[in-house]
Amino acid sequence: MDEIEIRVEVEVNPTESEEKVRRAVENVLGPLPLEFKPHPQGEGGILVVEAKGFETLSKFYNLLRRERICDAARTILFEGLIGDTIIFYLNKQVAYVGHISFSKAFAESPLGPIKVQVRCSDPRQFIDWLAPKSS
């Protein structure tokens, strides 16, 4: 399987601590070089990371197995498949406590979700690796 490219975006609301939002991402995806980009209005901002390689998702890979949610993850990953890109969302509050809960892009989580985009040449093979079908 070819190299993968990952982009993570998460809103930091004016009422949130940037450090806590950063920790939420790292609790499910591991330590990443998150870059804070303040909103032009000065209220909050967005944390963004762009990374390459499967090792970027190793913590997420292990959590899917530990929490025994590969089948649910597989369904969501296929729903988010568009061309060579997979987009999915994670609940920020649940991530903060080190668990995975998939979310919708809007309205499901009051603080907004963690948006994860994965680009690769063979997304179906990637999904088979990340969240294999249970027997």
N, C-alpha and C. Protein backbone atom coordinates (compact mmCIF):
# COMPACT_ATOMS: atom_id res chain seq x y z
N MET A 1 0.85 -1.17 0.00
CA MET A 1 0.00 0.00 0.00
C MET A 1 0.90 1.24 0.00
N ASP A 2 0.49 2.23 -0.77
CA ASP A 2 1.26 3.48 -0.86
C ASP A 2 1.18 4.29 0.43
N GLU A 3 1.96 5.33 0.46
CA GLU A 3 1.97 6.27 1.58
C GLU A 3 0.60 6.92 1.73
N ILE A 4 0.25 7.30 2.95
CA ILE A 4 -1.00 8.01 3.18
C ILE A 4 -0.70 9.41 3.68
N GLU A 5 -1.63 10.33 3.40
CA GLU A 5 -1.52 11.71 3.88
C GLU A 5 -2.70 11.96 4.80
N ILE A 6 -2.43 12.53 5.95
CA ILE A 6 -3.47 12.78 6.94
C ILE A 6 -3.53 14.28 7.23
N ARG A 7 -4.74 14.79 7.31
CA ARG A 7 -4.96 16.18 7.72
C ARG A 7 -6.01 16.16 8.83
N VAL A 8 -5.67 16.77 9.94
CA VAL A 8 -6.59 16.86 11.07
C VAL A 8 -6.88 18.34 11.31
N GLU A 9 -8.16 18.65 11.51
CA GLU A 9 -8.57 20.02 11.82
C GLU A 9 -9.53 19.96 13.00
N VAL A 10 -9.32 20.84 13.94
CA VAL A 10 -10.24 20.91 15.08
C VAL A 10 -10.36 22.36 15.56
N GLU A 11 -11.59 22.77 15.71
CA GLU A 11 -11.90 24.13 16.15
C GLU A 11 -11.56 24.27 17.64
N VAL A 12 -10.95 25.40 17.98
CA VAL A 12 -10.75 25.75 19.39
C VAL A 12 -11.67 26.94 19.65
N ASN A 13 -12.76 26.65 20.34
CA ASN A 13 -13.75 27.70 20.62
C ASN A 13 -13.21 28.67 21.65
N PRO A 14 -13.74 29.91 21.66
CA PRO A 14 -13.25 30.91 22.63
C PRO A 14 -13.38 30.44 24.08
N THR A 15 -14.32 29.53 24.36
CA THR A 15 -14.54 29.05 25.72
C THR A 15 -13.65 27.86 26.08
N GLU A 16 -12.84 27.38 25.12
CA GLU A 16 -12.03 26.18 25.34
C GLU A 16 -10.55 26.52 25.53
N SER A 17 -9.87 25.63 26.21
CA SER A 17 -8.43 25.74 26.37
C SER A 17 -7.77 25.06 25.17
N GLU A 18 -6.86 25.79 24.53
CA GLU A 18 -6.13 25.20 23.40
C GLU A 18 -5.42 23.92 23.83
N GLU A 19 -4.85 23.92 25.03
CA GLU A 19 -4.13 22.75 25.54
C GLU A 19 -5.05 21.54 25.67
N LYS A 20 -6.28 21.74 26.14
CA LYS A 20 -7.22 20.62 26.29
C LYS A 20 -7.67 20.08 24.93
N VAL A 21 -7.86 20.96 23.98
CA VAL A 21 -8.25 20.51 22.63
C VAL A 21 -7.09 19.73 22.01
N ARG A 22 -5.89 20.23 22.19
CA ARG A 22 -4.68 19.54 21.70
C ARG A 22 -4.59 18.15 22.33
N ARG A 23 -4.85 18.06 23.64
CA ARG A 23 -4.80 16.78 24.34
C ARG A 23 -5.87 15.82 23.82
N ALA A 24 -7.05 16.33 23.49
CA ALA A 24 -8.12 15.48 22.94
C ALA A 24 -7.65 14.80 21.65
N VAL A 25 -7.02 15.57 20.78
CA VAL A 25 -6.52 15.02 19.51
C VAL A 25 -5.43 13.99 19.79
N GLU A 26 -4.50 14.33 20.63
CA GLU A 26 -3.37 13.43 20.92
C GLU A 26 -3.81 12.16 21.66
N ASN A 27 -4.89 12.22 22.41
CA ASN A 27 -5.38 11.04 23.12
C ASN A 27 -5.87 9.96 22.18
N VAL A 28 -6.34 10.34 20.99
CA VAL A 28 -6.81 9.33 20.04
C VAL A 28 -5.90 9.15 18.83
N LEU A 29 -5.09 10.15 18.54
CA LEU A 29 -4.23 10.07 17.36
C LEU A 29 -2.74 10.06 17.69
N GLY A 30 -2.39 10.25 18.94
CA GLY A 30 -0.98 10.27 19.30
C GLY A 30 -0.40 11.66 19.19
N PRO A 31 0.87 11.82 19.60
CA PRO A 31 1.50 13.15 19.56
C PRO A 31 1.71 13.61 18.11
N LEU A 32 1.10 14.73 17.79
CA LEU A 32 1.19 15.26 16.43
C LEU A 32 1.66 16.71 16.48
N PRO A 33 2.32 17.16 15.42
CA PRO A 33 2.76 18.57 15.38
C PRO A 33 1.60 19.50 15.03
N LEU A 34 0.67 19.69 15.98
CA LEU A 34 -0.51 20.54 15.75
C LEU A 34 -0.11 22.01 15.72
N GLU A 35 -0.57 22.70 14.71
CA GLU A 35 -0.27 24.12 14.56
C GLU A 35 -1.54 24.91 14.83
N PHE A 36 -1.45 25.89 15.72
CA PHE A 36 -2.62 26.72 16.06
C PHE A 36 -2.70 27.89 15.11
N LYS A 37 -3.87 28.04 14.49
CA LYS A 37 -4.10 29.18 13.60
C LYS A 37 -5.26 29.99 14.18
N PRO A 38 -4.96 31.16 14.76
CA PRO A 38 -6.03 31.96 15.36
C PRO A 38 -7.00 32.49 14.29
N HIS A 39 -8.27 32.61 14.68
CA HIS A 39 -9.25 33.22 13.77
C HIS A 39 -8.91 34.70 13.63
N PRO A 40 -9.15 35.27 12.45
CA PRO A 40 -8.84 36.69 12.24
C PRO A 40 -9.54 37.62 13.24
N GLN A 41 -10.73 37.22 13.69
CA GLN A 41 -11.48 38.04 14.65
C GLN A 41 -10.86 37.98 16.04
N GLY A 42 -9.93 37.07 16.26
CA GLY A 42 -9.28 36.96 17.55
C GLY A 42 -10.02 36.07 18.54
N GLU A 43 -11.13 35.48 18.13
CA GLU A 43 -11.92 34.61 19.01
C GLU A 43 -11.63 33.16 18.67
N GLY A 44 -10.86 32.48 19.51
CA GLY A 44 -10.57 31.07 19.25
C GLY A 44 -9.66 30.88 18.05
N GLY A 45 -9.73 29.70 17.47
CA GLY A 45 -8.89 29.41 16.32
C GLY A 45 -9.10 27.96 15.90
N ILE A 46 -8.13 27.45 15.17
CA ILE A 46 -8.21 26.09 14.69
C ILE A 46 -6.84 25.43 14.83
N LEU A 47 -6.85 24.18 15.27
CA LEU A 47 -5.61 23.40 15.31
C LEU A 47 -5.58 22.54 14.06
N VAL A 48 -4.46 22.55 13.37
CA VAL A 48 -4.32 21.81 12.12
C VAL A 48 -3.02 21.03 12.14
N VAL A 49 -3.07 19.83 11.60
CA VAL A 49 -1.85 19.06 11.41
C VAL A 49 -1.95 18.37 10.05
N GLU A 50 -0.84 18.34 9.36
CA GLU A 50 -0.73 17.56 8.13
C GLU A 50 0.45 16.63 8.34
N ALA A 51 0.21 15.34 8.13
CA ALA A 51 1.26 14.35 8.36
C ALA A 51 1.17 13.27 7.30
N LYS A 52 2.22 12.49 7.20
CA LYS A 52 2.27 11.37 6.25
C LYS A 52 2.67 10.11 6.99
N GLY A 53 2.16 8.99 6.50
CA GLY A 53 2.60 7.71 7.03
C GLY A 53 1.60 7.04 7.96
N PHE A 54 1.63 5.73 7.92
CA PHE A 54 0.73 4.92 8.73
C PHE A 54 0.97 5.08 10.22
N GLU A 55 2.22 5.35 10.60
CA GLU A 55 2.53 5.49 12.03
C GLU A 55 1.73 6.63 12.66
N THR A 56 1.31 7.60 11.87
CA THR A 56 0.50 8.71 12.37
C THR A 56 -0.81 8.19 12.97
N LEU A 57 -1.32 7.10 12.42
CA LEU A 57 -2.60 6.56 12.90
C LEU A 57 -2.44 5.33 13.78
N SER A 58 -1.24 5.03 14.25
CA SER A 58 -1.04 3.81 15.02
C SER A 58 -1.83 3.81 16.34
N LYS A 59 -1.91 4.93 17.01
CA LYS A 59 -2.68 4.99 18.27
C LYS A 59 -4.16 4.77 17.97
N PHE A 60 -4.67 5.40 16.92
CA PHE A 60 -6.07 5.25 16.51
C PHE A 60 -6.35 3.79 16.14
N TYR A 61 -5.44 3.21 15.39
CA TYR A 61 -5.52 1.79 14.98
C TYR A 61 -5.67 0.89 16.22
N ASN A 62 -4.83 1.12 17.22
CA ASN A 62 -4.87 0.32 18.45
C ASN A 62 -6.14 0.56 19.26
N LEU A 63 -6.60 1.81 19.31
CA LEU A 63 -7.83 2.12 20.05
C LEU A 63 -9.05 1.44 19.42
N LEU A 64 -9.10 1.40 18.09
CA LEU A 64 -10.22 0.73 17.42
C LEU A 64 -10.31 -0.72 17.87
N ARG A 65 -9.18 -1.37 18.02
CA ARG A 65 -9.15 -2.77 18.44
C ARG A 65 -9.46 -2.92 19.93
N ARG A 66 -8.87 -2.05 20.72
CA ARG A 66 -9.11 -2.12 22.17
C ARG A 66 -10.59 -1.92 22.50
N GLU A 67 -11.21 -0.98 21.79
CA GLU A 67 -12.62 -0.68 22.06
C GLU A 67 -13.57 -1.59 21.26
N ARG A 68 -13.00 -2.45 20.44
CA ARG A 68 -13.76 -3.42 19.64
C ARG A 68 -14.84 -2.74 18.78
N ILE A 69 -14.42 -1.73 18.04
CA ILE A 69 -15.38 -1.00 17.19
C ILE A 69 -14.94 -0.97 15.73
N CYS A 70 -14.16 -1.98 15.31
CA CYS A 70 -13.70 -2.00 13.92
C CYS A 70 -14.86 -2.05 12.92
N ASP A 71 -15.91 -2.83 13.21
CA ASP A 71 -17.03 -2.92 12.28
C ASP A 71 -17.75 -1.58 12.13
N ALA A 72 -17.98 -0.90 13.25
CA ALA A 72 -18.63 0.42 13.20
C ALA A 72 -17.73 1.41 12.48
N ALA A 73 -16.44 1.37 12.77
CA ALA A 73 -15.48 2.26 12.12
C ALA A 73 -15.46 2.02 10.61
N ARG A 74 -15.47 0.76 10.22
CA ARG A 74 -15.45 0.39 8.81
C ARG A 74 -16.64 1.01 8.07
N THR A 75 -17.82 0.91 8.67
CA THR A 75 -19.02 1.48 8.07
C THR A 75 -18.87 2.99 7.88
N ILE A 76 -18.40 3.67 8.92
CA ILE A 76 -18.24 5.12 8.87
C ILE A 76 -17.17 5.53 7.86
N LEU A 77 -16.08 4.78 7.81
CA LEU A 77 -15.01 5.10 6.86
C LEU A 77 -15.51 4.96 5.42
N PHE A 78 -16.27 3.91 5.14
CA PHE A 78 -16.81 3.76 3.79
C PHE A 78 -17.83 4.86 3.47
N GLU A 79 -18.60 5.29 4.46
CA GLU A 79 -19.55 6.39 4.24
C GLU A 79 -18.82 7.68 3.91
N GLY A 80 -17.63 7.86 4.45
CA GLY A 80 -16.86 9.09 4.22
C GLY A 80 -15.90 9.02 3.04
N LEU A 81 -16.00 7.96 2.25
CA LEU A 81 -15.08 7.76 1.12
C LEU A 81 -15.55 8.54 -0.10
N ILE A 82 -14.69 9.44 -0.57
CA ILE A 82 -14.96 10.23 -1.77
C ILE A 82 -13.68 10.21 -2.60
N GLY A 83 -13.69 9.49 -3.71
CA GLY A 83 -12.50 9.39 -4.55
C GLY A 83 -11.36 8.73 -3.79
N ASP A 84 -10.25 9.46 -3.66
CA ASP A 84 -9.08 8.90 -2.96
C ASP A 84 -8.97 9.43 -1.53
N THR A 85 -10.06 10.01 -1.02
CA THR A 85 -10.05 10.63 0.30
C THR A 85 -11.14 10.05 1.18
N ILE A 86 -10.81 9.85 2.44
CA ILE A 86 -11.77 9.42 3.45
C ILE A 86 -11.85 10.54 4.48
N ILE A 87 -13.07 10.99 4.77
CA ILE A 87 -13.28 12.03 5.78
C ILE A 87 -14.17 11.46 6.87
N PHE A 88 -13.73 11.63 8.12
CA PHE A 88 -14.58 11.23 9.24
C PHE A 88 -14.38 12.21 10.38
N TYR A 89 -15.30 12.16 11.31
CA TYR A 89 -15.32 13.10 12.42
C TYR A 89 -15.34 12.35 13.74
N LEU A 90 -14.63 12.88 14.72
CA LEU A 90 -14.58 12.29 16.05
C LEU A 90 -15.10 13.29 17.08
N ASN A 91 -15.80 12.79 18.07
CA ASN A 91 -16.30 13.63 19.14
C ASN A 91 -15.13 14.11 19.98
N LYS A 92 -14.99 15.42 20.09
CA LYS A 92 -13.85 16.03 20.78
C LYS A 92 -13.87 15.73 22.28
N GLN A 93 -15.05 15.77 22.91
CA GLN A 93 -15.13 15.54 24.35
C GLN A 93 -14.80 14.09 24.71
N VAL A 94 -15.26 13.16 23.91
CA VAL A 94 -14.97 11.74 24.15
C VAL A 94 -13.47 11.49 23.91
N ALA A 95 -12.91 12.12 22.88
CA ALA A 95 -11.48 11.97 22.59
C ALA A 95 -10.64 12.47 23.77
N TYR A 96 -11.10 13.52 24.43
CA TYR A 96 -10.36 14.08 25.55
C TYR A 96 -10.13 13.04 26.65
N VAL A 97 -11.10 12.12 26.82
CA VAL A 97 -10.94 11.08 27.85
C VAL A 97 -10.34 9.79 27.28
N GLY A 98 -9.83 9.86 26.03
CA GLY A 98 -9.08 8.75 25.46
C GLY A 98 -9.89 7.65 24.80
N HIS A 99 -11.12 7.97 24.40
CA HIS A 99 -11.96 7.00 23.71
C HIS A 99 -12.34 7.52 22.34
N ILE A 100 -12.88 6.63 21.52
CA ILE A 100 -13.30 7.00 20.17
C ILE A 100 -14.81 6.98 20.10
N SER A 101 -15.38 8.07 19.62
CA SER A 101 -16.80 8.14 19.30
C SER A 101 -16.89 8.93 18.01
N PHE A 102 -17.40 8.27 16.97
CA PHE A 102 -17.55 8.95 15.70
C PHE A 102 -18.70 9.94 15.81
N SER A 103 -18.63 10.97 15.00
CA SER A 103 -19.58 12.07 15.09
C SER A 103 -19.93 12.53 13.69
N LYS A 104 -20.92 13.39 13.59
CA LYS A 104 -21.27 14.02 12.31
C LYS A 104 -20.50 15.35 12.23
N ALA A 105 -20.52 15.95 11.05
CA ALA A 105 -19.79 17.20 10.85
C ALA A 105 -20.38 18.35 11.66
N PHE A 106 -21.71 18.36 11.82
CA PHE A 106 -22.37 19.49 12.49
C PHE A 106 -23.40 18.99 13.49
N ALA A 107 -23.71 19.82 14.44
CA ALA A 107 -24.85 19.69 15.35
C ALA A 107 -24.80 18.53 16.35
N GLU A 108 -23.90 17.59 16.20
CA GLU A 108 -23.90 16.45 17.12
C GLU A 108 -23.11 16.73 18.39
N SER A 109 -22.04 17.48 18.26
CA SER A 109 -21.20 17.78 19.41
C SER A 109 -21.20 19.30 19.61
N PRO A 110 -21.61 19.78 20.79
CA PRO A 110 -21.72 21.22 20.99
C PRO A 110 -20.40 21.98 20.80
N LEU A 111 -19.27 21.30 21.03
CA LEU A 111 -17.98 21.97 20.87
C LEU A 111 -17.37 21.76 19.49
N GLY A 112 -18.07 21.03 18.64
CA GLY A 112 -17.54 20.74 17.31
C GLY A 112 -16.68 19.49 17.32
N PRO A 113 -16.57 18.84 16.17
CA PRO A 113 -15.82 17.59 16.08
C PRO A 113 -14.35 17.79 15.70
N ILE A 114 -13.62 16.71 15.78
CA ILE A 114 -12.27 16.62 15.22
C ILE A 114 -12.46 16.07 13.81
N LYS A 115 -12.04 16.81 12.81
CA LYS A 115 -12.18 16.36 11.42
C LYS A 115 -10.88 15.69 11.00
N VAL A 116 -10.99 14.47 10.45
CA VAL A 116 -9.82 13.73 9.99
C VAL A 116 -10.01 13.40 8.52
N GLN A 117 -9.02 13.76 7.70
CA GLN A 117 -9.03 13.43 6.27
C GLN A 117 -7.82 12.55 5.99
N VAL A 118 -8.06 11.45 5.29
CA VAL A 118 -6.96 10.56 4.91
C VAL A 118 -6.99 10.43 3.40
N ARG A 119 -5.86 10.72 2.76
CA ARG A 119 -5.73 10.58 1.31
C ARG A 119 -4.74 9.47 1.00
N CYS A 120 -5.13 8.59 0.07
CA CYS A 120 -4.23 7.53 -0.35
C CYS A 120 -4.69 6.99 -1.70
N SER A 121 -3.82 6.26 -2.37
CA SER A 121 -4.14 5.78 -3.71
C SER A 121 -5.17 4.66 -3.70
N ASP A 122 -5.24 3.88 -2.61
CA ASP A 122 -6.19 2.78 -2.53
C ASP A 122 -6.93 2.83 -1.20
N PRO A 123 -7.95 3.71 -1.10
CA PRO A 123 -8.63 3.89 0.18
C PRO A 123 -9.32 2.62 0.70
N ARG A 124 -9.79 1.77 -0.19
CA ARG A 124 -10.44 0.53 0.26
C ARG A 124 -9.44 -0.39 0.97
N GLN A 125 -8.25 -0.47 0.42
CA GLN A 125 -7.19 -1.27 1.06
C GLN A 125 -6.81 -0.65 2.40
N PHE A 126 -6.78 0.67 2.46
CA PHE A 126 -6.49 1.37 3.71
C PHE A 126 -7.54 1.03 4.77
N ILE A 127 -8.82 1.08 4.39
CA ILE A 127 -9.90 0.75 5.33
C ILE A 127 -9.77 -0.69 5.81
N ASP A 128 -9.42 -1.60 4.89
CA ASP A 128 -9.22 -3.01 5.27
C ASP A 128 -8.10 -3.14 6.31
N TRP A 129 -7.07 -2.30 6.19
CA TRP A 129 -5.96 -2.33 7.15
C TRP A 129 -6.39 -1.73 8.50
N LEU A 130 -7.03 -0.56 8.44
CA LEU A 130 -7.37 0.15 9.66
C LEU A 130 -8.50 -0.53 10.44
N ALA A 131 -9.52 -0.95 9.73
CA ALA A 131 -10.70 -1.53 10.38
C ALA A 131 -11.15 -2.77 9.61
N PRO A 132 -10.46 -3.89 9.79
CA PRO A 132 -10.81 -5.10 9.04
C PRO A 132 -12.18 -5.63 9.45
N LYS A 133 -12.79 -6.33 8.51
CA LYS A 133 -14.08 -6.97 8.78
C LYS A 133 -13.89 -8.03 9.85
N SER A 134 -14.80 -8.08 10.81
CA SER A 134 -14.70 -9.16 11.79
C SER A 134 -15.28 -10.42 11.15
N SER A 135 -14.82 -11.56 11.61
CA SER A 135 -15.26 -12.80 10.96
C SER A 135 -16.58 -13.29 11.50
